[in-house]
Structure formats: C-alpha cells, structure tokens
Amino acid sequence: MSNKILITSVVFIAAVCIALAGCGKKASAPPEEAAQPAAETEPAEPDEITGDYPDGLYAEIHTEKGIIVCSLEYEKTPLTVVNFVGLAEGTIYSRVRAYRPFYDGLIFHRVESDLIQGGDPLGTGRGNPGYFIPNEIVPELKHDKAGVLAMAQAERNKVGCQFYIILKPMPHLDGEYSIFGHVVKGLTVARKIEIGDKIEKVAIVRVGEKANAFKTDQAAFDKLLAEHQQ
C-alpha cells in the first residue's frame, strides 16, 4: 500500500511540474493562411492629365468620372476636327452658344454596352449647333478597336456637334460615320460613364509645330466647309 501511495505521489508531482512548465510558454499560433493575390483592378486615372504628349492635337474630355484624352486626326479629317475643336473652344459660331465653349456642362445622353455618346445641347439626341457639315469618310480609319472617336449624325451626311466613343470594335459602322480620333488615355474612364454624366469641359492641347499651325477659327472652318461643298 505504501509503495502504491509513493508511486501515485511521484506521478502526481511530475504531472504538476509539467503543467507548470507549460504555463510559461506562449500558445502556439495557428498556421498562417497563404497570402491571397491582390485583386486585379484597372489602372487609376489621374485627376489631371499632366503627362507629356507626342506631337499632335489632343482633346481632354473632362468628366465626372475622370479625363478621357483623345488624339485628333487633324491631317486626315481637317473639317471634322476644326468643327469639333472650334465648338470646344468657342472659336466658331453656334446658334446655341455663339462663340462660347460649346461642350462645357453638357451630358452623355446615350450609354450602351458598345458606345457612349454626348455633346447634344438638348441632352436628348436631337440637338445640333444650328448648322450641319458633311461626313468626312477616310477608308483607312475604321471602327476596329475600343476608343475610336467619331461624330454622330442627324441623318446621313448631316453632322453637327454630337460625338461618340466606341467601347468595342463596331465594323458595321465603317464608311457611315466620320472617325476623327481615338482615345490614348482614359478608356477606363469612358467605360465608367453613365447616362447623365456631365462633360465638365473639353480642353484642347496642341503639341508641336504642325498642331500649333493648324487653324481652328471661323475663317478656317468656313474655308474647309466651302471646299467640301464644291
């Protein structure tokens, strides 16, 4: 009996010692979960465009969602570009806003999965600047990629002030509408546009000798329009 008591006491003391020794150790942490890769996101667009552009003529379309920068084909479609730039800067006359920046404060009135459209002073798709110009179709300019910039028309060969940007290739439009540029920065912004989003302003940027020499005033507009009407 005494031996059993002795053995039991030894076992009990050993157990107590082991327990006390364990109390001084930190509890082991569970294995860390494998780090998850960061979700892919589209590149953030800056609030202001400050980068250097190659030589050319550009339109910075400032919207509620950010800035869409378009390179303009002023050498291939001079009449269409003079019309757009002249309206944007208020250097050509419009019945709606005379010689004031035309696009400031207008909205994108049409937004679909394949394009966005704006520049209508009525905001309905039925407005115009008080005049029309003919289409300026250049076969090599095609609706072959997202970001193509072109002019809408009231009816065939009657172009006013409304413009659109496609969000995917739309080859069925080739030969029907005047393409006059393409997006070089801000396509992610264009994809975020919703119906009613405001065009805060359209700023024109000229880089290089040729772009700076390209006239976009009323005299240049009238001259080009007369040449197309001959």
C-alpha atoms as a PDB file:
ATOM      1  CA  MET A   1       0.000   0.000   0.000  1.00  0.00           C
ATOM      2  CA  SER A   2       2.797   2.436   0.905  1.00  0.00           C
ATOM      3  CA  ASN A   3       4.501   1.674  -2.384  1.00  0.00           C
ATOM      4  CA  LYS A   4       1.299   2.463  -4.289  1.00  0.00           C
ATOM      5  CA  ILE A   5       0.936   5.729  -2.399  1.00  0.00           C
ATOM      6  CA  LEU A   6       4.562   6.607  -3.134  1.00  0.00           C
ATOM      7  CA  ILE A   7       4.206   5.870  -6.854  1.00  0.00           C
ATOM      8  CA  THR A   8       0.972   7.825  -7.037  1.00  0.00           C
ATOM      9  CA  SER A   9       2.575  10.804  -5.319  1.00  0.00           C
ATOM     10  CA  VAL A  10       5.532  10.755  -7.715  1.00  0.00           C
ATOM     11  CA  VAL A  11       3.250  10.654 -10.743  1.00  0.00           C
ATOM     12  CA  PHE A  12       1.144  13.497  -9.361  1.00  0.00           C
ATOM     13  CA  ILE A  13       4.201  15.678  -8.639  1.00  0.00           C
ATOM     14  CA  ALA A  14       5.592  15.033 -12.133  1.00  0.00           C
ATOM     15  CA  ALA A  15       2.301  15.994 -13.711  1.00  0.00           C
ATOM     16  CA  VAL A  16       2.175  19.218 -11.721  1.00  0.00           C
ATOM     17  CA  CYS A  17       5.725  20.123 -12.787  1.00  0.00           C
ATOM     18  CA  ILE A  18       4.958  19.528 -16.433  1.00  0.00           C
ATOM     19  CA  ALA A  19       1.826  21.651 -16.215  1.00  0.00           C
ATOM     20  CA  LEU A  20       3.677  24.488 -14.502  1.00  0.00           C
ATOM     21  CA  ALA A  21       6.443  24.389 -17.114  1.00  0.00           C
ATOM     22  CA  GLY A  22       3.877  24.677 -19.912  1.00  0.00           C
ATOM     23  CA  CYS A  23       2.316  27.775 -18.360  1.00  0.00           C
ATOM     24  CA  GLY A  24       5.409  29.818 -19.123  1.00  0.00           C
ATOM     25  CA  LYS A  25       5.195  29.188 -22.842  1.00  0.00           C
ATOM     26  CA  LYS A  26       3.087  31.171 -25.320  1.00  0.00           C
ATOM     27  CA  ALA A  27       0.309  29.344 -27.029  1.00  0.00           C
ATOM     28  CA  SER A  28       1.385  28.374 -30.491  1.00  0.00           C
ATOM     29  CA  ALA A  29      -0.329  30.422 -33.241  1.00  0.00           C
ATOM     30  CA  PRO A  30      -2.347  28.633 -35.910  1.00  0.00           C
ATOM     31  CA  PRO A  31      -0.561  28.302 -39.253  1.00  0.00           C
ATOM     32  CA  GLU A  32      -0.805  31.494 -41.284  1.00  0.00           C
ATOM     33  CA  GLU A  33      -3.137  31.331 -44.252  1.00  0.00           C
ATOM     34  CA  ALA A  34      -1.428  31.585 -47.611  1.00  0.00           C
ATOM     35  CA  ALA A  35      -1.357  35.185 -48.760  1.00  0.00           C
ATOM     36  CA  GLN A  36      -4.052  35.814 -51.354  1.00  0.00           C
ATOM     37  CA  PRO A  37      -3.032  37.642 -54.528  1.00  0.00           C
ATOM     38  CA  ALA A  38      -4.338  41.204 -54.723  1.00  0.00           C
ATOM     39  CA  ALA A  39      -7.452  41.584 -56.813  1.00  0.00           C
ATOM     40  CA  GLU A  40      -6.725  42.932 -60.268  1.00  0.00           C
ATOM     41  CA  THR A  41      -8.006  46.444 -60.785  1.00  0.00           C
ATOM     42  CA  GLU A  42      -7.925  48.816 -63.718  1.00  0.00           C
ATOM     43  CA  PRO A  43      -5.226  51.488 -63.506  1.00  0.00           C
ATOM     44  CA  ALA A  44      -6.382  54.563 -61.633  1.00  0.00           C
ATOM     45  CA  GLU A  45      -6.785  57.642 -63.785  1.00  0.00           C
ATOM     46  CA  PRO A  46      -5.252  60.880 -62.525  1.00  0.00           C
ATOM     47  CA  ASP A  47      -7.479  63.824 -61.701  1.00  0.00           C
ATOM     48  CA  GLU A  48      -5.435  65.976 -64.020  1.00  0.00           C
ATOM     49  CA  ILE A  49      -3.539  64.952 -67.131  1.00  0.00           C
ATOM     50  CA  THR A  50      -0.001  66.251 -66.827  1.00  0.00           C
ATOM     51  CA  GLY A  51       1.987  63.773 -68.905  1.00  0.00           C
ATOM     52  CA  ASP A  52       3.977  64.683 -71.972  1.00  0.00           C
ATOM     53  CA  TYR A  53       2.255  64.036 -75.296  1.00  0.00           C
ATOM     54  CA  PRO A  54       3.923  63.233 -78.615  1.00  0.00           C
ATOM     55  CA  ASP A  55       3.429  65.864 -81.314  1.00  0.00           C
ATOM     56  CA  GLY A  56      -0.216  66.130 -82.210  1.00  0.00           C
ATOM     57  CA  LEU A  57      -3.584  67.662 -81.447  1.00  0.00           C
ATOM     58  CA  TYR A  58      -5.468  66.342 -78.424  1.00  0.00           C
ATOM     59  CA  ALA A  59      -8.845  66.747 -76.752  1.00  0.00           C
ATOM     60  CA  GLU A  60      -9.021  66.256 -72.995  1.00  0.00           C
ATOM     61  CA  ILE A  61     -12.645  65.467 -72.218  1.00  0.00           C
ATOM     62  CA  HIS A  62     -13.101  66.215 -68.522  1.00  0.00           C
ATOM     63  CA  THR A  63     -15.982  64.264 -66.995  1.00  0.00           C
ATOM     64  CA  GLU A  64     -17.364  63.496 -63.558  1.00  0.00           C
ATOM     65  CA  LYS A  65     -15.609  60.125 -63.722  1.00  0.00           C
ATOM     66  CA  GLY A  66     -12.205  61.394 -64.857  1.00  0.00           C
ATOM     67  CA  ILE A  67     -10.480  62.553 -68.026  1.00  0.00           C
ATOM     68  CA  ILE A  68     -10.630  60.933 -71.455  1.00  0.00           C
ATOM     69  CA  VAL A  69      -7.762  62.000 -73.723  1.00  0.00           C
ATOM     70  CA  CYS A  70      -8.230  61.677 -77.482  1.00  0.00           C
ATOM     71  CA  SER A  71      -5.713  62.164 -80.256  1.00  0.00           C
ATOM     72  CA  LEU A  72      -7.365  64.016 -83.147  1.00  0.00           C
ATOM     73  CA  GLU A  73      -6.785  63.177 -86.828  1.00  0.00           C
ATOM     74  CA  TYR A  74      -6.446  66.790 -87.913  1.00  0.00           C
ATOM     75  CA  GLU A  75      -4.449  65.956 -91.048  1.00  0.00           C
ATOM     76  CA  LYS A  76      -6.810  63.232 -92.299  1.00  0.00           C
ATOM     77  CA  THR A  77     -10.156  64.777 -91.284  1.00  0.00           C
ATOM     78  CA  PRO A  78      -9.483  68.530 -91.047  1.00  0.00           C
ATOM     79  CA  LEU A  79     -13.082  69.744 -91.400  1.00  0.00           C
ATOM     80  CA  THR A  80     -14.408  67.402 -88.720  1.00  0.00           C
ATOM     81  CA  VAL A  81     -11.586  68.321 -86.348  1.00  0.00           C
ATOM     82  CA  VAL A  82     -11.979  72.065 -86.951  1.00  0.00           C
ATOM     83  CA  ASN A  83     -15.693  71.704 -86.244  1.00  0.00           C
ATOM     84  CA  PHE A  84     -15.103  69.786 -83.000  1.00  0.00           C
ATOM     85  CA  VAL A  85     -12.213  71.930 -81.757  1.00  0.00           C
ATOM     86  CA  GLY A  86     -13.903  75.167 -82.807  1.00  0.00           C
ATOM     87  CA  LEU A  87     -17.012  74.219 -80.846  1.00  0.00           C
ATOM     88  CA  ALA A  88     -14.961  73.064 -77.846  1.00  0.00           C
ATOM     89  CA  GLU A  89     -13.008  76.323 -77.676  1.00  0.00           C
ATOM     90  CA  GLY A  90     -15.787  78.619 -78.837  1.00  0.00           C
ATOM     91  CA  THR A  91     -13.846  79.847 -81.872  1.00  0.00           C
ATOM     92  CA  ILE A  92     -16.634  79.072 -84.356  1.00  0.00           C
ATOM     93  CA  TYR A  93     -20.201  80.249 -84.169  1.00  0.00           C
ATOM     94  CA  SER A  94     -23.040  78.056 -82.939  1.00  0.00           C
ATOM     95  CA  ARG A  95     -26.637  79.163 -82.682  1.00  0.00           C
ATOM     96  CA  VAL A  96     -26.863  77.657 -79.200  1.00  0.00           C
ATOM     97  CA  ARG A  97     -23.814  79.200 -77.542  1.00  0.00           C
ATOM     98  CA  ALA A  98     -22.500  81.729 -80.044  1.00  0.00           C
ATOM     99  CA  TYR A  99     -18.709  81.953 -79.508  1.00  0.00           C
ATOM    100  CA  ARG A 100     -18.564  80.253 -76.110  1.00  0.00           C
ATOM    101  CA  PRO A 101     -17.144  76.796 -75.309  1.00  0.00           C
ATOM    102  CA  PHE A 102     -19.915  74.576 -76.593  1.00  0.00           C
ATOM    103  CA  TYR A 103     -19.456  71.308 -74.724  1.00  0.00           C
ATOM    104  CA  ASP A 104     -18.944  72.636 -71.205  1.00  0.00           C
ATOM    105  CA  GLY A 105     -21.719  71.365 -68.933  1.00  0.00           C
ATOM    106  CA  LEU A 106     -23.413  69.100 -71.487  1.00  0.00           C
ATOM    107  CA  ILE A 107     -24.048  65.434 -70.719  1.00  0.00           C
ATOM    108  CA  PHE A 108     -23.592  61.954 -72.099  1.00  0.00           C
ATOM    109  CA  HIS A 109     -27.177  61.231 -73.125  1.00  0.00           C
ATOM    110  CA  ARG A 110     -26.605  57.812 -74.649  1.00  0.00           C
ATOM    111  CA  VAL A 111     -24.698  54.980 -72.967  1.00  0.00           C
ATOM    112  CA  GLU A 112     -24.776  51.429 -74.244  1.00  0.00           C
ATOM    113  CA  SER A 113     -22.547  48.398 -73.842  1.00  0.00           C
ATOM    114  CA  ASP A 114     -20.696  49.257 -77.027  1.00  0.00           C
ATOM    115  CA  LEU A 115     -20.516  53.078 -77.009  1.00  0.00           C
ATOM    116  CA  ILE A 116     -21.022  56.353 -75.175  1.00  0.00           C
ATOM    117  CA  GLN A 117     -22.405  59.469 -76.873  1.00  0.00           C
ATOM    118  CA  GLY A 118     -22.587  63.106 -75.812  1.00  0.00           C
ATOM    119  CA  GLY A 119     -22.351  66.694 -76.957  1.00  0.00           C
ATOM    120  CA  ASP A 120     -26.053  67.365 -77.525  1.00  0.00           C
ATOM    121  CA  PRO A 121     -27.156  70.775 -76.180  1.00  0.00           C
ATOM    122  CA  LEU A 122     -30.665  69.377 -75.604  1.00  0.00           C
ATOM    123  CA  GLY A 123     -29.449  66.221 -73.896  1.00  0.00           C
ATOM    124  CA  THR A 124     -31.917  64.119 -75.884  1.00  0.00           C
ATOM    125  CA  GLY A 125     -30.012  63.119 -79.005  1.00  0.00           C
ATOM    126  CA  ARG A 126     -31.972  65.586 -81.139  1.00  0.00           C
ATOM    127  CA  GLY A 127     -29.923  68.748 -80.658  1.00  0.00           C
ATOM    128  CA  ASN A 128     -27.477  70.423 -83.025  1.00  0.00           C
ATOM    129  CA  PRO A 129     -25.361  73.591 -83.125  1.00  0.00           C
ATOM    130  CA  GLY A 130     -27.566  75.312 -85.681  1.00  0.00           C
ATOM    131  CA  TYR A 131     -25.771  74.008 -88.763  1.00  0.00           C
ATOM    132  CA  PHE A 132     -24.518  70.772 -90.311  1.00  0.00           C
ATOM    133  CA  ILE A 133     -21.363  69.690 -92.082  1.00  0.00           C
ATOM    134  CA  PRO A 134     -20.929  66.729 -94.437  1.00  0.00           C
ATOM    135  CA  ASN A 135     -19.329  63.438 -93.469  1.00  0.00           C
ATOM    136  CA  GLU A 136     -15.582  63.164 -93.901  1.00  0.00           C
ATOM    137  CA  ILE A 137     -15.017  59.459 -94.515  1.00  0.00           C
ATOM    138  CA  VAL A 138     -11.435  58.200 -94.655  1.00  0.00           C
ATOM    139  CA  PRO A 139     -11.295  54.496 -95.620  1.00  0.00           C
ATOM    140  CA  GLU A 140      -8.212  53.750 -93.518  1.00  0.00           C
ATOM    141  CA  LEU A 141      -9.922  54.996 -90.344  1.00  0.00           C
ATOM    142  CA  LYS A 142     -12.083  52.180 -89.053  1.00  0.00           C
ATOM    143  CA  HIS A 143     -14.215  51.232 -86.056  1.00  0.00           C
ATOM    144  CA  ASP A 144     -11.768  48.427 -85.375  1.00  0.00           C
ATOM    145  CA  LYS A 145     -10.968  48.864 -81.685  1.00  0.00           C
ATOM    146  CA  ALA A 146     -12.289  50.285 -78.441  1.00  0.00           C
ATOM    147  CA  GLY A 147     -11.643  54.021 -78.109  1.00  0.00           C
ATOM    148  CA  VAL A 148     -12.406  55.152 -81.653  1.00  0.00           C
ATOM    149  CA  LEU A 149     -13.848  58.697 -81.636  1.00  0.00           C
ATOM    150  CA  ALA A 150     -16.397  59.691 -84.278  1.00  0.00           C
ATOM    151  CA  MET A 151     -19.218  62.106 -84.982  1.00  0.00           C
ATOM    152  CA  ALA A 152     -22.866  61.114 -84.818  1.00  0.00           C
ATOM    153  CA  GLN A 153     -25.205  62.460 -87.479  1.00  0.00           C
ATOM    154  CA  ALA A 154     -28.774  63.699 -87.595  1.00  0.00           C
ATOM    155  CA  GLU A 155     -29.231  61.796 -90.836  1.00  0.00           C
ATOM    156  CA  ARG A 156     -26.879  60.578 -93.497  1.00  0.00           C
ATOM    157  CA  ASN A 157     -24.214  63.173 -94.306  1.00  0.00           C
ATOM    158  CA  LYS A 158     -25.510  65.716 -91.762  1.00  0.00           C
ATOM    159  CA  VAL A 159     -23.006  66.068 -88.922  1.00  0.00           C
ATOM    160  CA  GLY A 160     -23.486  68.561 -86.099  1.00  0.00           C
ATOM    161  CA  CYS A 161     -21.968  68.502 -82.626  1.00  0.00           C
ATOM    162  CA  GLN A 162     -22.660  65.078 -81.124  1.00  0.00           C
ATOM    163  CA  PHE A 163     -19.740  62.683 -80.803  1.00  0.00           C
ATOM    164  CA  TYR A 164     -19.339  59.109 -79.651  1.00  0.00           C
ATOM    165  CA  ILE A 165     -16.607  56.779 -78.407  1.00  0.00           C
ATOM    166  CA  ILE A 166     -16.920  53.066 -79.073  1.00  0.00           C
ATOM    167  CA  LEU A 167     -16.106  50.550 -76.344  1.00  0.00           C
ATOM    168  CA  LYS A 168     -15.521  47.585 -78.633  1.00  0.00           C
ATOM    169  CA  PRO A 169     -14.950  47.055 -82.366  1.00  0.00           C
ATOM    170  CA  MET A 170     -18.006  48.023 -84.443  1.00  0.00           C
ATOM    171  CA  PRO A 171     -17.022  47.371 -88.078  1.00  0.00           C
ATOM    172  CA  HIS A 172     -20.610  47.706 -89.320  1.00  0.00           C
ATOM    173  CA  LEU A 173     -20.281  51.471 -88.787  1.00  0.00           C
ATOM    174  CA  ASP A 174     -17.323  51.810 -91.175  1.00  0.00           C
ATOM    175  CA  GLY A 175     -17.985  54.159 -94.069  1.00  0.00           C
ATOM    176  CA  GLU A 176     -21.090  55.620 -92.430  1.00  0.00           C
ATOM    177  CA  TYR A 177     -19.682  57.983 -89.792  1.00  0.00           C
ATOM    178  CA  SER A 178     -16.765  60.429 -89.599  1.00  0.00           C
ATOM    179  CA  ILE A 179     -13.970  58.996 -87.480  1.00  0.00           C
ATOM    180  CA  PHE A 180     -11.696  61.810 -86.346  1.00  0.00           C
ATOM    181  CA  GLY A 181      -9.646  60.471 -83.450  1.00  0.00           C
ATOM    182  CA  HIS A 182      -9.101  57.798 -80.845  1.00  0.00           C
ATOM    183  CA  VAL A 183      -8.629  57.532 -77.088  1.00  0.00           C
ATOM    184  CA  VAL A 184      -4.986  57.477 -75.970  1.00  0.00           C
ATOM    185  CA  LYS A 185      -5.664  57.685 -72.235  1.00  0.00           C
ATOM    186  CA  GLY A 186      -8.766  57.249 -70.121  1.00  0.00           C
ATOM    187  CA  LEU A 187     -10.540  54.348 -71.800  1.00  0.00           C
ATOM    188  CA  THR A 188     -11.236  53.017 -68.299  1.00  0.00           C
ATOM    189  CA  VAL A 189     -12.977  56.330 -67.593  1.00  0.00           C
ATOM    190  CA  ALA A 190     -15.065  56.002 -70.754  1.00  0.00           C
ATOM    191  CA  ARG A 191     -16.217  52.578 -69.604  1.00  0.00           C
ATOM    192  CA  LYS A 192     -17.466  54.070 -66.321  1.00  0.00           C
ATOM    193  CA  ILE A 193     -19.625  56.754 -67.941  1.00  0.00           C
ATOM    194  CA  GLU A 194     -23.346  56.578 -67.171  1.00  0.00           C
ATOM    195  CA  ILE A 195     -26.315  58.327 -68.738  1.00  0.00           C
ATOM    196  CA  GLY A 196     -26.484  61.885 -67.449  1.00  0.00           C
ATOM    197  CA  ASP A 197     -22.798  62.161 -66.534  1.00  0.00           C
ATOM    198  CA  LYS A 198     -21.590  65.685 -67.187  1.00  0.00           C
ATOM    199  CA  ILE A 199     -18.924  66.856 -69.612  1.00  0.00           C
ATOM    200  CA  GLU A 200     -17.250  69.427 -67.406  1.00  0.00           C
ATOM    201  CA  LYS A 201     -15.112  70.815 -70.217  1.00  0.00           C
ATOM    202  CA  VAL A 202     -13.191  69.849 -73.342  1.00  0.00           C
ATOM    203  CA  ALA A 203      -9.640  71.209 -73.266  1.00  0.00           C
ATOM    204  CA  ILE A 204      -7.624  71.229 -76.481  1.00  0.00           C
ATOM    205  CA  VAL A 205      -3.875  70.569 -76.309  1.00  0.00           C
ATOM    206  CA  ARG A 206      -1.539  71.366 -79.196  1.00  0.00           C
ATOM    207  CA  VAL A 207       1.931  69.835 -79.253  1.00  0.00           C
ATOM    208  CA  GLY A 208       4.461  70.504 -81.981  1.00  0.00           C
ATOM    209  CA  GLU A 209       4.774  72.894 -84.889  1.00  0.00           C
ATOM    210  CA  LYS A 210       2.158  71.289 -87.144  1.00  0.00           C
ATOM    211  CA  ALA A 211      -0.520  71.107 -84.480  1.00  0.00           C
ATOM    212  CA  ASN A 212       0.079  74.688 -83.423  1.00  0.00           C
ATOM    213  CA  ALA A 213      -0.128  75.844 -87.035  1.00  0.00           C
ATOM    214  CA  PHE A 214      -3.467  74.105 -87.572  1.00  0.00           C
ATOM    215  CA  LYS A 215      -6.143  76.818 -87.591  1.00  0.00           C
ATOM    216  CA  THR A 216      -9.475  76.189 -85.888  1.00  0.00           C
ATOM    217  CA  ASP A 217     -11.150  79.588 -86.127  1.00  0.00           C
ATOM    218  CA  GLN A 218     -14.228  80.659 -88.070  1.00  0.00           C
ATOM    219  CA  ALA A 219     -12.244  81.534 -91.213  1.00  0.00           C
ATOM    220  CA  ALA A 220     -10.596  78.097 -91.293  1.00  0.00           C
ATOM    221  CA  PHE A 221     -13.953  76.393 -90.738  1.00  0.00           C
ATOM    222  CA  ASP A 222     -15.664  78.393 -93.495  1.00  0.00           C
ATOM    223  CA  LYS A 223     -12.841  77.669 -95.957  1.00  0.00           C
ATOM    224  CA  LEU A 224     -12.849  73.920 -95.342  1.00  0.00           C
ATOM    225  CA  LEU A 225     -16.643  73.720 -95.451  1.00  0.00           C
ATOM    226  CA  ALA A 226     -16.714  75.570 -98.806  1.00  0.00           C
ATOM    227  CA  GLU A 227     -14.125  73.139-100.224  1.00  0.00           C
ATOM    228  CA  HIS A 228     -16.215  70.133 -99.192  1.00  0.00           C
ATOM    229  CA  GLN A 229     -19.369  71.614-100.690  1.00  0.00           C
ATOM    230  CA  GLN A 230     -17.843  72.178-104.137  1.00  0.00           C
END
